[in-house]
Amino acid sequence: MRARLALATVLTAAALPAAAGDLPLSQPIDCTLGDTCFIQQFVDTDPGPGARDFTCGPLSYDGHKGTDFGLPSLAAMRAGVDVLAASPGTVIGRRGDMPDTGWSKAFAGKDCGNGVVIDHGGGWQTQYCHLKQGSVTVQSGQRVAMGQVLGQVGFSGRTQFPHLHLSVRKDGKVVDPFDPDGRITCGTPDENTLWLTPPDYAPGGLLGAGFADRVPEYDAIKDGTAHSPALPGNTGAVVLWGYAFGARAGDVMRLTILAPDGSPFFAHDTTIDAPKAQLFRAAGKRLRTAPAPGTYTGTATLLRGGSVIDSVTAELRIGG
């Protein structure tokens, strides 16, 4: 079982309608933000060589031109998550034959990977990148409605994790849907966004947590196959891992395990030494004797300045 605690630090943009002449947008991915998907990168609003998101936070990178709706794992991608048209319009471009292998030089010039471009009139366009190979369901020239399925989230093009990259453009220029007028006020979201229902801003968070009998490989974490829901009664170790995004230097990953009777079984804090777009940390306990059989509860918590950013729980059955 996996339970997610509410984000403790969230900025919410005011839910005001888009101004006349703007492009009203709905969520372009069929998932639950903060649970089954996460906005991990925003448009870079820094005009120089640095990077900052619309809150002046670090969830962007130099020159990033869109909003990245990430999945927690490749397994979630394989299960299938639909990409949706954010606004009605006409398809003016599509590609769907690139493999879901992440970036390589073989795909130079095709950074978007598999994708769709929609023209909405009035100079507005949206682009949907990194779709799954063979999943694109629309053709050039086709009219689409808001919320219509365009394809599925994939791992194609210039990407290091499965996600939908949504770009919004007006007359060929990038527009941040969280700050369409480009007037940044640090720490205060723009009251006029393009979103019909503005997504919450999470300043980092946890993509998942799980148990194993040893420190797992990072590839297994990213694949979504690292969690062991059960271990034998004679297991030699119990390890808890947490998988995070948007961590900053000085953040703490706290890993705690409770025994079946609710008593403390293990606890460990790790301080993050540098900003990380994604990372995992794992810690656990070697066992000299057989542990008590039953269900163990592990909690991975990301803390910043002593405050909880996010927390995820996982369960492990030992014996029986």
Protein backbone atom coordinates (compact mmCIF):
# COMPACT_ATOMS: atom_id res chain seq x y z
CA MET A 1 0.00 0.00 0.00
CA ARG A 2 1.21 3.48 -0.76
CA ALA A 3 -0.22 6.60 0.90
CA ARG A 4 0.70 10.20 0.08
CA LEU A 5 0.56 13.00 2.64
CA ALA A 6 -0.55 16.47 1.61
CA LEU A 7 2.17 18.86 0.50
CA ALA A 8 3.12 21.13 3.35
CA THR A 9 4.51 23.92 1.17
CA VAL A 10 2.35 24.80 -1.84
CA LEU A 11 1.73 28.02 -3.74
CA THR A 12 -1.61 28.15 -5.53
CA ALA A 13 -2.19 30.52 -8.43
CA ALA A 14 -5.48 32.39 -8.20
CA ALA A 15 -8.16 30.74 -10.31
CA LEU A 16 -9.02 33.77 -12.42
CA PRO A 17 -10.05 33.29 -16.06
CA ALA A 18 -7.61 34.03 -18.82
CA ALA A 19 -7.77 37.60 -20.08
CA ALA A 20 -9.54 38.38 -23.36
CA GLY A 21 -7.41 37.27 -26.27
CA ASP A 22 -5.47 34.74 -24.17
CA LEU A 23 -5.56 30.97 -24.65
CA PRO A 24 -7.54 29.09 -21.94
CA LEU A 25 -5.79 25.82 -21.07
CA SER A 26 -6.96 22.65 -19.37
CA GLN A 27 -4.63 20.06 -17.84
CA PRO A 28 -2.88 18.33 -20.78
CA ILE A 29 -2.35 14.97 -19.12
CA ASP A 30 -4.77 12.44 -17.63
CA CYS A 31 -3.34 12.03 -14.14
CA THR A 32 -3.62 13.35 -10.60
CA LEU A 33 -1.00 16.02 -9.92
CA GLY A 34 0.98 15.34 -6.77
CA ASP A 35 0.07 11.66 -6.81
CA THR A 36 0.36 9.95 -10.22
CA CYS A 37 2.19 12.80 -11.97
CA PHE A 38 4.26 15.82 -10.97
CA ILE A 39 5.22 19.14 -12.56
CA GLN A 40 8.98 18.84 -12.32
CA GLN A 41 10.19 21.70 -14.56
CA PHE A 42 8.73 25.05 -15.61
CA VAL A 43 9.56 27.65 -18.28
CA ASP A 44 12.91 29.34 -17.63
CA THR A 45 12.14 32.98 -16.81
CA ASP A 46 15.78 34.02 -16.32
CA PRO A 47 16.94 36.00 -19.38
CA GLY A 48 20.58 35.22 -18.64
CA PRO A 49 22.60 32.01 -18.31
CA GLY A 50 20.90 31.04 -15.05
CA ALA A 51 17.50 29.42 -14.61
CA ARG A 52 14.43 30.12 -12.50
CA ASP A 53 10.76 29.21 -12.60
CA PHE A 54 7.83 31.64 -12.38
CA THR A 55 8.11 31.83 -8.58
CA CYS A 56 11.86 32.59 -8.88
CA GLY A 57 12.47 29.05 -7.65
CA PRO A 58 14.97 26.64 -9.24
CA LEU A 59 12.56 24.22 -10.94
CA SER A 60 13.82 24.92 -14.46
CA TYR A 61 17.02 24.86 -16.45
CA ASP A 62 18.67 27.35 -18.77
CA GLY A 63 16.56 27.89 -21.87
CA HIS A 64 13.74 25.52 -20.93
CA LYS A 65 10.69 26.44 -23.01
CA GLY A 66 7.84 24.48 -21.48
CA THR A 67 6.13 22.83 -18.53
CA ASP A 68 7.14 19.23 -17.78
CA PHE A 69 4.47 16.91 -16.39
CA GLY A 70 6.54 13.93 -15.21
CA LEU A 71 5.53 10.37 -14.37
CA PRO A 72 6.97 8.59 -11.33
CA SER A 73 8.47 5.72 -13.34
CA LEU A 74 8.88 3.99 -16.66
CA ALA A 75 6.41 1.40 -15.40
CA ALA A 76 3.76 4.14 -15.20
CA MET A 77 4.61 5.10 -18.75
CA ARG A 78 4.27 1.51 -19.93
CA ALA A 79 0.88 1.24 -18.22
CA GLY A 80 -0.26 4.20 -20.32
CA VAL A 81 -1.06 7.81 -19.43
CA ASP A 82 -3.03 9.84 -21.98
CA VAL A 83 -1.89 13.22 -23.31
CA LEU A 84 -4.82 15.58 -23.86
CA ALA A 85 -5.36 18.66 -26.02
CA ALA A 86 -5.14 21.63 -23.65
CA SER A 87 -7.36 23.77 -25.87
CA PRO A 88 -9.37 23.23 -29.09
CA GLY A 89 -7.64 23.74 -32.41
CA THR A 90 -6.22 22.19 -35.56
CA VAL A 91 -3.30 19.74 -35.66
CA ILE A 92 -0.55 21.20 -37.84
CA GLY A 93 2.24 18.73 -37.07
CA ARG A 94 2.81 15.29 -35.62
CA ARG A 95 5.49 12.61 -35.29
CA GLY A 96 5.04 9.18 -33.76
CA ASP A 97 7.74 6.72 -34.83
CA MET A 98 10.67 7.50 -32.53
CA PRO A 99 11.59 4.81 -29.96
CA ASP A 100 11.15 5.32 -26.22
CA THR A 101 14.85 5.12 -25.43
CA GLY A 102 15.57 8.60 -24.13
CA TRP A 103 18.07 10.87 -25.84
CA SER A 104 20.90 9.82 -28.14
CA LYS A 105 22.82 11.56 -30.91
CA ALA A 106 20.89 9.48 -33.43
CA PHE A 107 17.91 11.77 -32.79
CA ALA A 108 19.74 15.08 -33.33
CA GLY A 109 17.36 17.77 -34.52
CA LYS A 110 14.34 15.94 -33.12
CA ASP A 111 14.51 17.08 -29.50
CA CYS A 112 10.71 16.91 -29.09
CA GLY A 113 10.68 13.23 -29.97
CA ASN A 114 7.20 12.04 -30.82
CA GLY A 115 4.82 14.95 -30.58
CA VAL A 116 1.88 17.00 -31.75
CA VAL A 117 1.55 20.71 -32.59
CA ILE A 118 -1.87 22.37 -32.44
CA ASP A 119 -2.79 25.76 -33.87
CA HIS A 120 -5.48 27.57 -31.87
CA GLY A 121 -5.83 30.71 -33.99
CA GLY A 122 -4.88 34.25 -33.06
CA GLY A 123 -1.19 33.35 -33.18
CA TRP A 124 -1.49 30.75 -30.40
CA GLN A 125 0.05 27.26 -30.63
CA THR A 126 0.69 24.42 -28.20
CA GLN A 127 3.25 21.65 -28.63
CA TYR A 128 3.22 18.26 -26.86
CA CYS A 129 6.58 16.45 -26.73
CA HIS A 130 8.12 13.10 -25.72
CA LEU A 131 5.05 11.00 -26.55
CA LYS A 132 5.15 7.20 -26.62
CA GLN A 133 6.11 5.51 -29.86
CA GLY A 134 3.04 4.52 -31.87
CA SER A 135 0.60 6.25 -29.51
CA VAL A 136 -0.19 9.43 -31.48
CA THR A 137 -3.89 9.26 -32.39
CA VAL A 138 -4.35 12.44 -34.47
CA GLN A 139 -3.40 13.52 -37.97
CA SER A 140 -2.31 16.84 -39.46
CA GLY A 141 -5.30 18.92 -40.46
CA GLN A 142 -7.58 17.29 -37.89
CA ARG A 143 -9.72 19.46 -35.61
CA VAL A 144 -9.45 18.49 -31.93
CA ALA A 145 -11.52 19.43 -28.90
CA MET A 146 -10.23 20.47 -25.48
CA GLY A 147 -9.45 17.27 -23.58
CA GLN A 148 -9.26 15.06 -26.68
CA VAL A 149 -6.63 12.30 -26.49
CA LEU A 150 -3.57 13.05 -28.63
CA GLY A 151 -1.41 10.10 -27.59
CA GLN A 152 0.35 8.87 -24.45
CA VAL A 153 3.29 10.04 -22.35
CA GLY A 154 6.51 8.44 -23.55
CA PHE A 155 10.30 8.59 -23.36
CA SER A 156 11.24 9.84 -26.82
CA GLY A 157 13.48 12.73 -27.82
CA ARG A 158 15.71 14.82 -25.57
CA THR A 159 14.54 13.57 -22.18
CA GLN A 160 15.95 11.79 -19.15
CA PHE A 161 12.64 10.67 -17.64
CA PRO A 162 9.12 9.93 -18.95
CA HIS A 163 7.13 13.13 -19.13
CA LEU A 164 4.97 15.41 -21.23
CA HIS A 165 6.65 18.65 -22.21
CA LEU A 166 3.99 21.28 -23.01
CA SER A 167 5.12 24.40 -24.85
CA VAL A 168 2.81 27.38 -25.38
CA ARG A 169 3.63 29.98 -28.03
CA LYS A 170 2.08 33.27 -29.17
CA ASP A 171 3.27 34.56 -32.55
CA GLY A 172 6.21 32.18 -32.29
CA LYS A 173 7.35 33.37 -28.86
CA VAL A 174 7.32 31.16 -25.76
CA VAL A 175 4.63 32.02 -23.20
CA ASP A 176 4.72 30.69 -19.65
CA PRO A 177 1.12 29.61 -18.91
CA PHE A 178 1.73 30.39 -15.22
CA ASP A 179 2.92 33.92 -16.00
CA PRO A 180 1.65 34.94 -19.45
CA ASP A 181 2.46 38.64 -19.04
CA GLY A 182 6.04 37.87 -18.02
CA ARG A 183 5.96 40.14 -14.99
CA ILE A 184 7.56 38.01 -12.31
CA THR A 185 6.95 38.81 -8.66
CA CYS A 186 9.08 36.40 -6.68
CA GLY A 187 7.08 34.14 -4.39
CA THR A 188 3.73 35.47 -5.61
CA PRO A 189 2.11 33.63 -8.54
CA ASP A 190 0.53 35.73 -11.27
CA GLU A 191 -3.20 36.16 -10.65
CA ASN A 192 -3.89 35.90 -14.37
CA THR A 193 -2.71 32.56 -15.74
CA LEU A 194 -3.77 30.72 -18.89
CA TRP A 195 -5.04 27.77 -16.83
CA LEU A 196 -8.75 27.26 -16.39
CA THR A 197 -7.85 25.53 -13.12
CA PRO A 198 -4.33 26.63 -12.15
CA PRO A 199 -2.20 23.71 -10.90
CA ASP A 200 -0.60 23.96 -7.48
CA TYR A 201 3.09 24.75 -7.40
CA ALA A 202 5.07 22.12 -5.48
CA PRO A 203 8.65 23.27 -4.69
CA GLY A 204 9.93 19.69 -4.93
CA GLY A 205 8.52 16.39 -3.81
CA LEU A 206 8.67 12.62 -3.69
CA LEU A 207 8.05 10.43 -6.71
CA GLY A 208 7.88 7.27 -4.63
CA ALA A 209 9.23 5.12 -1.85
CA GLY A 210 9.68 1.41 -1.29
CA PHE A 211 11.42 -1.48 0.44
CA ALA A 212 14.19 -3.88 -0.59
CA ASP A 213 16.66 -6.22 1.06
CA ARG A 214 19.61 -4.16 -0.25
CA VAL A 215 20.24 -0.74 -1.73
CA PRO A 216 18.54 -0.93 -5.15
CA GLU A 217 20.04 0.12 -8.45
CA TYR A 218 19.00 3.58 -9.64
CA ASP A 219 17.77 2.06 -12.91
CA ALA A 220 15.31 -0.08 -10.94
CA ILE A 221 14.10 3.00 -9.04
CA LYS A 222 13.47 4.89 -12.28
CA ASP A 223 11.88 1.85 -13.88
CA GLY A 224 9.42 1.47 -10.99
CA THR A 225 10.46 -2.09 -10.16
CA ALA A 226 12.62 -1.51 -7.05
CA HIS A 227 9.91 -1.98 -4.39
CA SER A 228 9.62 -5.40 -2.76
CA PRO A 229 6.23 -5.64 -1.01
CA ALA A 230 7.26 -8.85 0.79
CA LEU A 231 10.46 -10.41 2.11
CA PRO A 232 11.06 -13.84 3.66
CA GLY A 233 11.20 -14.27 7.41
CA ASN A 234 14.93 -14.94 7.25
CA THR A 235 15.83 -11.77 5.32
CA GLY A 236 19.24 -10.42 6.23
CA ALA A 237 18.38 -6.76 5.85
CA VAL A 238 15.54 -4.29 5.46
CA VAL A 239 16.18 -1.20 3.33
CA LEU A 240 13.86 1.76 2.71
CA TRP A 241 14.38 4.09 -0.26
CA GLY A 242 12.88 7.43 -1.30
CA TYR A 243 12.84 8.92 -4.81
CA ALA A 244 12.62 12.72 -5.02
CA PHE A 245 12.59 15.61 -7.49
CA GLY A 246 13.51 19.27 -7.09
CA ALA A 247 15.78 18.74 -4.09
CA ARG A 248 17.96 21.64 -2.98
CA ALA A 249 21.26 21.77 -1.14
CA GLY A 250 20.54 21.44 2.57
CA ASP A 251 17.31 19.48 2.12
CA VAL A 252 16.96 16.37 4.27
CA MET A 253 15.65 12.99 3.21
CA ARG A 254 14.27 11.30 6.33
CA LEU A 255 13.69 7.54 6.19
CA THR A 256 11.79 5.88 9.04
CA ILE A 257 10.44 2.37 9.51
CA LEU A 258 7.90 1.22 12.08
CA ALA A 259 7.67 -2.41 13.23
CA PRO A 260 4.37 -4.32 13.02
CA ASP A 261 3.50 -3.30 16.58
CA GLY A 262 4.05 0.39 15.73
CA SER A 263 7.35 0.72 17.56
CA PRO A 264 10.38 2.38 15.90
CA PHE A 265 12.43 -0.09 13.86
CA PHE A 266 14.81 2.22 11.97
CA ALA A 267 15.41 5.91 11.30
CA HIS A 268 17.97 7.77 9.23
CA ASP A 269 18.44 11.35 7.94
CA THR A 270 20.52 12.22 4.87
CA THR A 271 21.36 15.83 3.96
CA ILE A 272 21.35 16.63 0.25
CA ASP A 273 24.63 18.31 -0.63
CA ALA A 274 23.72 19.86 -4.02
CA PRO A 275 20.63 20.70 -6.10
CA LYS A 276 19.24 17.66 -7.89
CA ALA A 277 16.53 17.44 -10.54
CA GLN A 278 15.95 13.86 -9.38
CA LEU A 279 17.64 11.65 -6.80
CA PHE A 280 17.11 8.69 -4.54
CA ARG A 281 18.41 7.88 -1.11
CA ALA A 282 18.29 4.55 0.67
CA ALA A 283 19.17 3.33 4.16
CA GLY A 284 18.34 0.32 6.25
CA LYS A 285 19.19 -2.17 8.91
CA ARG A 286 21.23 -5.38 8.81
CA LEU A 287 19.59 -8.12 10.83
CA ARG A 288 21.45 -10.55 13.08
CA THR A 289 18.26 -12.34 14.03
CA ALA A 290 14.97 -12.95 12.28
CA PRO A 291 12.69 -9.87 12.47
CA ALA A 292 9.21 -10.07 13.91
CA PRO A 293 6.78 -11.21 11.22
CA GLY A 294 4.10 -8.80 10.07
CA THR A 295 3.64 -5.56 8.18
CA TYR A 296 6.31 -2.88 8.42
CA THR A 297 5.53 0.73 7.48
CA GLY A 298 8.18 2.93 5.89
CA THR A 299 7.97 6.68 5.41
CA ALA A 300 10.21 8.79 3.20
CA THR A 301 10.01 12.51 3.99
CA LEU A 302 11.63 15.44 2.18
CA LEU A 303 12.31 18.37 4.52
CA ARG A 304 13.48 21.89 3.75
CA GLY A 305 14.46 24.22 6.55
CA GLY A 306 12.84 21.82 8.99
CA SER A 307 9.46 21.93 7.18
CA VAL A 308 7.94 18.98 5.37
CA ILE A 309 7.87 19.36 1.59
CA ASP A 310 6.40 15.94 0.89
CA SER A 311 6.03 12.50 2.45
CA VAL A 312 5.25 9.05 1.05
CA THR A 313 4.63 5.75 2.82
CA ALA A 314 5.14 2.16 1.73
CA GLU A 315 4.45 -1.20 3.34
CA LEU A 316 6.47 -4.39 3.62
CA ARG A 317 5.27 -7.81 4.70
CA ILE A 318 7.91 -9.98 6.37
CA GLY A 319 7.21 -13.69 6.82
CA GLY A 320 3.84 -15.33 6.82
